[in-house]
């Protein structure tokens, strides 16, 4: 019997979802649940604590599929281009 102590490597890939789509999906779920979406999303973006985002309609999972810096970049870009 041969013992194998080789480390197995697994590649985890995130499905690419646009930051805009993430924000809109999470915003809608939080609004439906009765939360103040802007305050909750800002809390998450500043702290990185996913408990600011409800798990209702998988909003927390959706939010975690995007990097926080990408979400902030999308918000800044959207704000500046729409003004």
C-alpha atoms as a PDB file:
ATOM      1  CA  UNK A   1       0.000   0.000   0.000  1.00  0.00           C
ATOM      2  CA  UNK A   2       1.418   3.341  -1.045  1.00  0.00           C
ATOM      3  CA  UNK A   3       0.888   6.423   1.152  1.00  0.00           C
ATOM      4  CA  UNK A   4       0.480   9.677  -0.716  1.00  0.00           C
ATOM      5  CA  UNK A   5       1.171  12.891   1.126  1.00  0.00           C
ATOM      6  CA  UNK A   6       1.042  15.131  -1.917  1.00  0.00           C
ATOM      7  CA  UNK A   7      -0.955  18.294  -1.476  1.00  0.00           C
ATOM      8  CA  UNK A   8      -3.902  18.556  -3.794  1.00  0.00           C
ATOM      9  CA  UNK A   9      -4.486  21.940  -5.384  1.00  0.00           C
ATOM     10  CA  UNK A  10      -7.943  23.164  -6.180  1.00  0.00           C
ATOM     11  CA  UNK A  11      -8.684  26.168  -8.324  1.00  0.00           C
ATOM     12  CA  UNK A  12     -11.662  28.164  -7.142  1.00  0.00           C
ATOM     13  CA  UNK A  13     -13.066  30.469  -9.763  1.00  0.00           C
ATOM     14  CA  UNK A  14     -15.589  33.182  -9.135  1.00  0.00           C
ATOM     15  CA  UNK A  15     -18.319  33.563 -11.669  1.00  0.00           C
ATOM     16  CA  UNK A  16     -17.892  37.037 -13.077  1.00  0.00           C
ATOM     17  CA  UNK A  17     -20.831  39.274 -12.336  1.00  0.00           C
ATOM     18  CA  UNK A  18     -20.740  42.968 -13.074  1.00  0.00           C
ATOM     19  CA  UNK A  19     -20.451  45.187  -9.991  1.00  0.00           C
ATOM     20  CA  UNK A  20     -23.490  47.140 -11.204  1.00  0.00           C
ATOM     21  CA  UNK A  21     -25.567  43.955 -11.380  1.00  0.00           C
ATOM     22  CA  UNK A  22     -24.420  42.959  -7.889  1.00  0.00           C
ATOM     23  CA  UNK A  23     -25.344  46.330  -6.397  1.00  0.00           C
ATOM     24  CA  UNK A  24     -28.746  46.443  -8.085  1.00  0.00           C
ATOM     25  CA  UNK A  25     -29.606  42.881  -7.040  1.00  0.00           C
ATOM     26  CA  UNK A  26     -28.580  43.441  -3.427  1.00  0.00           C
ATOM     27  CA  UNK A  27     -30.312  46.836  -3.304  1.00  0.00           C
ATOM     28  CA  UNK A  28     -33.602  45.328  -4.479  1.00  0.00           C
ATOM     29  CA  UNK A  29     -33.455  42.390  -2.047  1.00  0.00           C
ATOM     30  CA  UNK A  30     -32.726  44.699   0.881  1.00  0.00           C
ATOM     31  CA  UNK A  31     -35.513  47.063  -0.093  1.00  0.00           C
ATOM     32  CA  UNK A  32     -37.975  44.143  -0.318  1.00  0.00           C
ATOM     33  CA  UNK A  33     -36.887  42.958   3.126  1.00  0.00           C
ATOM     34  CA  UNK A  34     -37.506  46.430   4.586  1.00  0.00           C
ATOM     35  CA  UNK A  35     -33.913  47.479   5.215  1.00  0.00           C
ATOM     36  CA  UNK A  36     -32.326  50.800   4.271  1.00  0.00           C
ATOM     37  CA  UNK A  37     -30.177  49.505   1.388  1.00  0.00           C
ATOM     38  CA  UNK A  38     -27.865  52.500   1.036  1.00  0.00           C
ATOM     39  CA  UNK A  39     -26.875  52.489   4.713  1.00  0.00           C
ATOM     40  CA  UNK A  40     -26.389  48.726   4.764  1.00  0.00           C
ATOM     41  CA  UNK A  41     -24.305  48.639   1.574  1.00  0.00           C
ATOM     42  CA  UNK A  42     -22.132  51.513   2.811  1.00  0.00           C
ATOM     43  CA  UNK A  43     -21.619  49.656   6.096  1.00  0.00           C
ATOM     44  CA  UNK A  44     -20.481  46.578   4.210  1.00  0.00           C
ATOM     45  CA  UNK A  45     -18.188  48.498   1.861  1.00  0.00           C
ATOM     46  CA  UNK A  46     -16.487  50.323   4.752  1.00  0.00           C
ATOM     47  CA  UNK A  47     -16.132  47.387   7.111  1.00  0.00           C
ATOM     48  CA  UNK A  48     -16.041  44.307   4.905  1.00  0.00           C
ATOM     49  CA  UNK A  49     -18.474  42.658   7.334  1.00  0.00           C
ATOM     50  CA  UNK A  50     -20.964  40.634   5.250  1.00  0.00           C
ATOM     51  CA  UNK A  51     -23.552  40.646   8.050  1.00  0.00           C
ATOM     52  CA  UNK A  52     -24.551  44.132   6.867  1.00  0.00           C
ATOM     53  CA  UNK A  53     -26.117  42.351   3.893  1.00  0.00           C
ATOM     54  CA  UNK A  54     -29.237  40.252   4.323  1.00  0.00           C
ATOM     55  CA  UNK A  55     -29.234  36.635   3.231  1.00  0.00           C
ATOM     56  CA  UNK A  56     -32.739  37.170   1.807  1.00  0.00           C
ATOM     57  CA  UNK A  57     -32.806  36.102  -1.868  1.00  0.00           C
ATOM     58  CA  UNK A  58     -29.099  35.157  -1.559  1.00  0.00           C
ATOM     59  CA  UNK A  59     -28.141  38.853  -1.457  1.00  0.00           C
ATOM     60  CA  UNK A  60     -25.139  38.193   0.791  1.00  0.00           C
ATOM     61  CA  UNK A  61     -23.830  35.504  -1.547  1.00  0.00           C
ATOM     62  CA  UNK A  62     -24.322  37.799  -4.530  1.00  0.00           C
ATOM     63  CA  UNK A  63     -22.498  40.643  -2.773  1.00  0.00           C
ATOM     64  CA  UNK A  64     -19.552  38.403  -1.912  1.00  0.00           C
ATOM     65  CA  UNK A  65     -19.139  37.434  -5.578  1.00  0.00           C
ATOM     66  CA  UNK A  66     -17.654  40.872  -6.292  1.00  0.00           C
ATOM     67  CA  UNK A  67     -14.582  42.495  -4.778  1.00  0.00           C
ATOM     68  CA  UNK A  68     -15.297  45.516  -2.582  1.00  0.00           C
ATOM     69  CA  UNK A  69     -12.878  47.717  -4.512  1.00  0.00           C
ATOM     70  CA  UNK A  70     -14.703  46.878  -7.757  1.00  0.00           C
ATOM     71  CA  UNK A  71     -18.014  47.830  -6.167  1.00  0.00           C
ATOM     72  CA  UNK A  72     -16.629  51.153  -4.939  1.00  0.00           C
ATOM     73  CA  UNK A  73     -15.076  51.808  -8.348  1.00  0.00           C
ATOM     74  CA  UNK A  74     -18.460  51.207  -9.996  1.00  0.00           C
ATOM     75  CA  UNK A  75     -20.179  53.595  -7.598  1.00  0.00           C
ATOM     76  CA  UNK A  76     -17.630  56.369  -8.160  1.00  0.00           C
ATOM     77  CA  UNK A  77     -17.677  55.896 -11.926  1.00  0.00           C
ATOM     78  CA  UNK A  78     -21.461  55.932 -12.020  1.00  0.00           C
ATOM     79  CA  UNK A  79     -21.703  58.993  -9.811  1.00  0.00           C
ATOM     80  CA  UNK A  80     -19.157  61.031 -11.747  1.00  0.00           C
ATOM     81  CA  UNK A  81     -20.383  60.093 -15.207  1.00  0.00           C
ATOM     82  CA  UNK A  82     -24.027  60.808 -14.397  1.00  0.00           C
ATOM     83  CA  UNK A  83     -23.323  64.333 -13.066  1.00  0.00           C
END
